């Protein structure tokens, strides 16, 4: 099923003409269809990503406030293991402080 090439000579010059087959037309049509589908998918995907980033920005801005509320609520519990450990005088790793500083840095960079 190869395409046929014909040689025509008109006015002293040689010109090649190409006769397409149904396979060539189907292949070209499929390529154009896939190209258009990919372009539509890209535009739709870009809109979804932009909306997700906007929601994530809101969450990052609100998260320090939520963190403060949760820590305050945990400190009010009378039999909290966290409250006993904090008042016992033992200095543990400062992961909480590091996390808050990292979160604030991340919020200010956005």
N, C-alpha and C. Protein backbone atom coordinates (compact mmCIF):
# COMPACT_ATOMS: atom_id res chain seq x y z
N UNK A 1 0.82 -1.19 0.00
CA UNK A 1 0.00 0.00 0.00
C UNK A 1 0.86 1.25 0.00
N UNK A 2 1.80 1.28 -0.84
CA UNK A 2 2.68 2.44 -0.91
C UNK A 2 2.05 3.49 -1.82
N UNK A 3 2.38 4.72 -1.55
CA UNK A 3 1.87 5.80 -2.39
C UNK A 3 2.62 5.79 -3.72
N UNK A 4 1.92 6.20 -4.74
CA UNK A 4 2.51 6.15 -6.07
C UNK A 4 3.10 7.52 -6.42
N UNK A 5 4.30 7.49 -6.93
CA UNK A 5 4.95 8.69 -7.43
C UNK A 5 4.97 8.61 -8.95
N UNK A 6 4.57 9.68 -9.56
CA UNK A 6 4.61 9.72 -11.02
C UNK A 6 5.51 10.86 -11.45
N UNK A 7 6.22 10.63 -12.50
CA UNK A 7 7.10 11.66 -13.03
C UNK A 7 6.44 12.26 -14.27
N UNK A 8 6.29 13.57 -14.24
CA UNK A 8 5.72 14.26 -15.40
C UNK A 8 6.75 15.27 -15.88
N UNK A 9 6.90 15.35 -17.18
CA UNK A 9 7.77 16.39 -17.68
C UNK A 9 6.91 17.38 -18.45
N UNK A 10 6.99 18.60 -17.98
CA UNK A 10 6.21 19.66 -18.62
C UNK A 10 7.14 20.82 -18.91
N UNK A 11 7.29 21.12 -20.14
CA UNK A 11 8.10 22.26 -20.54
C UNK A 11 9.58 22.10 -20.24
N UNK A 12 10.08 20.92 -20.31
CA UNK A 12 11.51 20.72 -20.13
C UNK A 12 11.91 20.43 -18.68
N UNK A 13 11.02 20.61 -17.71
CA UNK A 13 11.36 20.34 -16.32
C UNK A 13 10.64 19.09 -15.85
N UNK A 14 11.18 18.43 -14.87
CA UNK A 14 10.56 17.21 -14.34
C UNK A 14 9.84 17.55 -13.04
N UNK A 15 8.58 17.12 -12.93
CA UNK A 15 7.80 17.38 -11.73
C UNK A 15 7.26 16.06 -11.21
N UNK A 16 7.43 15.83 -9.92
CA UNK A 16 6.91 14.62 -9.30
C UNK A 16 5.53 14.92 -8.71
N UNK A 17 4.60 14.06 -8.99
CA UNK A 17 3.28 14.21 -8.37
C UNK A 17 3.06 13.04 -7.42
N UNK A 18 2.36 13.29 -6.35
CA UNK A 18 2.14 12.30 -5.30
C UNK A 18 0.67 11.98 -5.23
N UNK A 19 0.32 10.72 -5.33
CA UNK A 19 -1.07 10.29 -5.20
C UNK A 19 -1.21 9.60 -3.85
N UNK A 20 -2.04 10.20 -2.99
CA UNK A 20 -2.18 9.64 -1.65
C UNK A 20 -3.17 8.49 -1.65
N UNK A 21 -2.97 7.60 -0.72
CA UNK A 21 -3.88 6.48 -0.54
C UNK A 21 -4.74 6.72 0.68
N UNK A 22 -5.69 5.84 0.89
CA UNK A 22 -6.58 6.00 2.05
C UNK A 22 -5.79 5.89 3.35
N UNK A 23 -4.70 5.12 3.35
CA UNK A 23 -3.88 4.97 4.56
C UNK A 23 -3.19 6.29 4.92
N UNK A 24 -2.67 6.99 3.94
CA UNK A 24 -2.02 8.27 4.18
C UNK A 24 -3.01 9.30 4.71
N UNK A 25 -4.19 9.32 4.12
CA UNK A 25 -5.22 10.26 4.57
C UNK A 25 -5.67 9.94 5.99
N UNK A 26 -5.82 8.65 6.30
CA UNK A 26 -6.23 8.25 7.65
C UNK A 26 -5.14 8.61 8.66
N UNK A 27 -3.89 8.39 8.30
CA UNK A 27 -2.78 8.69 9.19
C UNK A 27 -2.69 10.20 9.44
N UNK A 28 -2.83 11.01 8.42
CA UNK A 28 -2.79 12.45 8.58
C UNK A 28 -3.97 12.95 9.41
N UNK A 29 -5.16 12.42 9.14
CA UNK A 29 -6.35 12.82 9.91
C UNK A 29 -6.20 12.44 11.38
N UNK A 30 -5.66 11.27 11.64
CA UNK A 30 -5.45 10.83 13.02
C UNK A 30 -4.44 11.73 13.73
N UNK A 31 -3.39 12.10 13.03
CA UNK A 31 -2.38 12.99 13.61
C UNK A 31 -2.98 14.34 13.96
N UNK A 32 -3.76 14.92 13.06
CA UNK A 32 -4.40 16.21 13.32
C UNK A 32 -5.38 16.11 14.48
N UNK A 33 -6.16 15.03 14.52
CA UNK A 33 -7.12 14.83 15.61
C UNK A 33 -6.41 14.70 16.95
N UNK A 34 -5.33 13.92 17.00
CA UNK A 34 -4.56 13.78 18.25
C UNK A 34 -3.91 15.09 18.66
N UNK A 35 -3.46 15.87 17.70
CA UNK A 35 -2.86 17.16 18.00
C UNK A 35 -3.90 18.11 18.61
N UNK A 36 -5.09 18.15 18.05
CA UNK A 36 -6.15 19.00 18.60
C UNK A 36 -6.60 18.53 19.98
N UNK A 37 -6.69 17.21 20.17
CA UNK A 37 -7.07 16.68 21.48
C UNK A 37 -6.00 17.02 22.52
N UNK A 38 -4.75 16.92 22.15
CA UNK A 38 -3.67 17.27 23.07
C UNK A 38 -3.69 18.74 23.45
N UNK A 39 -3.97 19.60 22.49
CA UNK A 39 -4.05 21.03 22.76
C UNK A 39 -5.21 21.34 23.71
N UNK A 40 -6.37 20.73 23.47
CA UNK A 40 -7.52 20.93 24.36
C UNK A 40 -7.23 20.40 25.76
N UNK A 41 -6.58 19.25 25.86
CA UNK A 41 -6.24 18.69 27.16
C UNK A 41 -5.28 19.61 27.91
N UNK A 42 -4.30 20.18 27.20
CA UNK A 42 -3.34 21.07 27.83
C UNK A 42 -4.02 22.31 28.38
N UNK A 43 -4.93 22.91 27.60
CA UNK A 43 -5.63 24.11 28.06
C UNK A 43 -6.49 23.79 29.27
N UNK A 44 -7.20 22.66 29.25
CA UNK A 44 -8.03 22.26 30.38
C UNK A 44 -7.17 21.95 31.60
N UNK A 45 -6.08 21.24 31.43
CA UNK A 45 -5.20 20.87 32.53
C UNK A 45 -4.57 22.11 33.16
N UNK A 46 -4.21 23.09 32.33
CA UNK A 46 -3.63 24.32 32.84
C UNK A 46 -4.62 25.07 33.72
N UNK A 47 -5.89 25.10 33.33
CA UNK A 47 -6.91 25.77 34.13
C UNK A 47 -7.11 25.05 35.47
N UNK A 48 -7.06 23.73 35.47
CA UNK A 48 -7.21 22.96 36.71
C UNK A 48 -6.04 23.22 37.64
N UNK A 49 -4.83 23.27 37.10
CA UNK A 49 -3.64 23.51 37.92
C UNK A 49 -3.67 24.92 38.52
N UNK A 50 -4.09 25.90 37.75
CA UNK A 50 -4.17 27.27 38.26
C UNK A 50 -5.18 27.35 39.40
N UNK A 51 -6.33 26.69 39.26
CA UNK A 51 -7.33 26.69 40.34
C UNK A 51 -6.80 25.99 41.59
N UNK A 52 -6.09 24.89 41.41
CA UNK A 52 -5.53 24.17 42.56
C UNK A 52 -4.47 25.01 43.27
N UNK A 53 -3.65 25.72 42.53
CA UNK A 53 -2.63 26.57 43.15
C UNK A 53 -3.29 27.70 43.94
N UNK A 54 -4.36 28.27 43.43
CA UNK A 54 -5.07 29.31 44.18
C UNK A 54 -5.63 28.77 45.49
N UNK A 55 -6.19 27.58 45.47
CA UNK A 55 -6.70 26.97 46.70
C UNK A 55 -5.56 26.67 47.67
N UNK A 56 -4.43 26.22 47.16
CA UNK A 56 -3.28 25.92 48.01
C UNK A 56 -2.73 27.18 48.65
N UNK A 57 -2.72 28.29 47.93
CA UNK A 57 -2.26 29.55 48.50
C UNK A 57 -3.14 29.96 49.68
N UNK A 58 -4.44 29.78 49.54
CA UNK A 58 -5.35 30.12 50.64
C UNK A 58 -5.08 29.23 51.85
N UNK A 59 -4.84 27.95 51.61
CA UNK A 59 -4.56 27.03 52.71
C UNK A 59 -3.26 27.40 53.42
N UNK A 60 -2.24 27.78 52.67
CA UNK A 60 -0.96 28.14 53.26
C UNK A 60 -1.09 29.43 54.08
N UNK A 61 -1.92 30.35 53.63
CA UNK A 61 -2.10 31.60 54.38
C UNK A 61 -2.87 31.34 55.68
N UNK A 62 -3.84 30.44 55.67
CA UNK A 62 -4.68 30.17 56.84
C UNK A 62 -4.00 29.19 57.81
N UNK A 63 -3.06 28.40 57.36
CA UNK A 63 -2.48 27.36 58.20
C UNK A 63 -1.77 27.87 59.46
N UNK A 64 -1.05 29.01 59.46
CA UNK A 64 -0.47 29.46 60.73
C UNK A 64 -1.53 29.77 61.78
N UNK A 65 -2.64 30.34 61.37
CA UNK A 65 -3.72 30.61 62.31
C UNK A 65 -4.29 29.32 62.87
N UNK A 66 -4.49 28.34 62.02
CA UNK A 66 -4.99 27.05 62.48
C UNK A 66 -3.99 26.38 63.42
N UNK A 67 -2.71 26.51 63.14
CA UNK A 67 -1.69 25.93 64.00
C UNK A 67 -1.71 26.57 65.38
N UNK A 68 -1.86 27.87 65.46
CA UNK A 68 -1.93 28.56 66.75
C UNK A 68 -3.17 28.12 67.52
N UNK A 69 -4.30 27.98 66.85
CA UNK A 69 -5.53 27.55 67.51
C UNK A 69 -5.39 26.12 68.04
N UNK A 70 -4.79 25.23 67.28
CA UNK A 70 -4.62 23.85 67.72
C UNK A 70 -3.68 23.78 68.92
N UNK A 71 -2.58 24.52 68.90
CA UNK A 71 -1.64 24.51 70.02
C UNK A 71 -2.31 25.09 71.27
N UNK A 72 -3.08 26.14 71.12
CA UNK A 72 -3.79 26.72 72.26
C UNK A 72 -4.80 25.72 72.82
N UNK A 73 -5.52 25.05 71.94
CA UNK A 73 -6.51 24.07 72.39
C UNK A 73 -5.83 22.90 73.12
N UNK A 74 -4.70 22.44 72.60
CA UNK A 74 -3.98 21.35 73.26
C UNK A 74 -3.41 21.78 74.62
N UNK A 75 -3.05 23.04 74.75
CA UNK A 75 -2.50 23.49 76.03
C UNK A 75 -3.59 23.63 77.09
N UNK A 76 -4.84 23.74 76.68
CA UNK A 76 -5.94 23.86 77.64
C UNK A 76 -6.41 22.52 78.18
N UNK A 77 -6.02 21.42 77.55
CA UNK A 77 -6.45 20.10 78.02
C UNK A 77 -5.77 19.80 79.36
N UNK A 78 -6.55 19.35 80.38
CA UNK A 78 -5.96 19.15 81.72
C UNK A 78 -5.00 17.97 81.79
N UNK A 79 -5.28 16.86 81.16
CA UNK A 79 -4.44 15.66 81.26
C UNK A 79 -3.71 15.38 79.96
N UNK A 80 -3.23 16.41 79.36
CA UNK A 80 -2.55 16.24 78.08
C UNK A 80 -1.10 15.82 78.29
N UNK A 81 -0.69 14.81 77.57
CA UNK A 81 0.70 14.35 77.62
C UNK A 81 1.64 15.44 77.12
N UNK A 82 1.18 16.21 76.16
CA UNK A 82 2.01 17.28 75.60
C UNK A 82 2.23 18.37 76.64
N UNK A 83 1.17 18.71 77.40
CA UNK A 83 1.30 19.75 78.42
C UNK A 83 2.24 19.29 79.53
N UNK A 84 2.20 18.02 79.95
CA UNK A 84 3.08 17.52 81.00
C UNK A 84 4.53 17.50 80.54
N UNK A 85 4.75 17.14 79.29
CA UNK A 85 6.11 17.09 78.78
C UNK A 85 6.71 18.49 78.67
N UNK A 86 5.88 19.45 78.29
CA UNK A 86 6.38 20.82 78.13
C UNK A 86 6.70 21.45 79.47
N UNK A 87 5.97 21.09 80.53
CA UNK A 87 6.20 21.69 81.85
C UNK A 87 7.18 20.91 82.68
N UNK A 88 7.64 19.77 82.23
CA UNK A 88 8.53 18.94 83.03
C UNK A 88 9.97 19.45 83.03
N UNK A 89 10.28 20.39 82.19
CA UNK A 89 11.61 20.97 82.19
C UNK A 89 12.56 20.31 81.21
N UNK A 90 12.19 19.20 80.61
CA UNK A 90 13.05 18.54 79.64
C UNK A 90 13.00 19.26 78.32
N UNK A 91 14.14 19.54 77.77
CA UNK A 91 14.18 20.25 76.49
C UNK A 91 14.32 19.22 75.38
N UNK A 92 13.27 19.06 74.61
CA UNK A 92 13.30 18.13 73.49
C UNK A 92 13.69 18.86 72.22
N UNK A 93 13.70 18.15 71.12
CA UNK A 93 14.03 18.81 69.85
C UNK A 93 12.96 19.84 69.49
N UNK A 94 13.38 20.90 68.90
CA UNK A 94 12.48 22.01 68.60
C UNK A 94 11.88 21.87 67.21
N UNK A 95 11.26 20.72 66.94
CA UNK A 95 10.66 20.49 65.63
C UNK A 95 9.48 21.42 65.40
N UNK A 96 8.72 21.69 66.45
CA UNK A 96 7.56 22.58 66.31
C UNK A 96 7.96 23.98 65.92
N UNK A 97 9.00 24.49 66.56
CA UNK A 97 9.48 25.83 66.25
C UNK A 97 10.04 25.87 64.83
N UNK A 98 10.77 24.85 64.46
CA UNK A 98 11.33 24.80 63.10
C UNK A 98 10.22 24.74 62.06
N UNK A 99 9.16 23.96 62.36
CA UNK A 99 8.05 23.86 61.42
C UNK A 99 7.34 25.20 61.26
N UNK A 100 7.10 25.91 62.36
CA UNK A 100 6.43 27.21 62.31
C UNK A 100 7.29 28.21 61.54
N UNK A 101 8.59 28.22 61.79
CA UNK A 101 9.47 29.14 61.06
C UNK A 101 9.50 28.83 59.57
N UNK A 102 9.55 27.56 59.24
CA UNK A 102 9.52 27.16 57.83
C UNK A 102 8.20 27.56 57.18
N UNK A 103 7.10 27.37 57.88
CA UNK A 103 5.78 27.71 57.36
C UNK A 103 5.65 29.21 57.14
N UNK A 104 6.14 30.01 58.10
CA UNK A 104 6.10 31.46 57.94
C UNK A 104 6.98 31.92 56.78
N UNK A 105 8.14 31.31 56.63
CA UNK A 105 9.00 31.64 55.50
C UNK A 105 8.31 31.31 54.18
N UNK A 106 7.66 30.17 54.15
CA UNK A 106 6.95 29.76 52.93
C UNK A 106 5.79 30.70 52.61
N UNK A 107 5.07 31.16 53.65
CA UNK A 107 3.95 32.08 53.44
C UNK A 107 4.45 33.41 52.90
N UNK A 108 5.55 33.90 53.45
CA UNK A 108 6.05 35.21 53.01
C UNK A 108 6.67 35.15 51.62
N UNK A 109 7.13 33.99 51.20
CA UNK A 109 7.69 33.88 49.85
C UNK A 109 6.62 33.81 48.78
N UNK A 110 5.41 33.41 49.15
CA UNK A 110 4.33 33.38 48.16
C UNK A 110 3.87 34.78 47.98
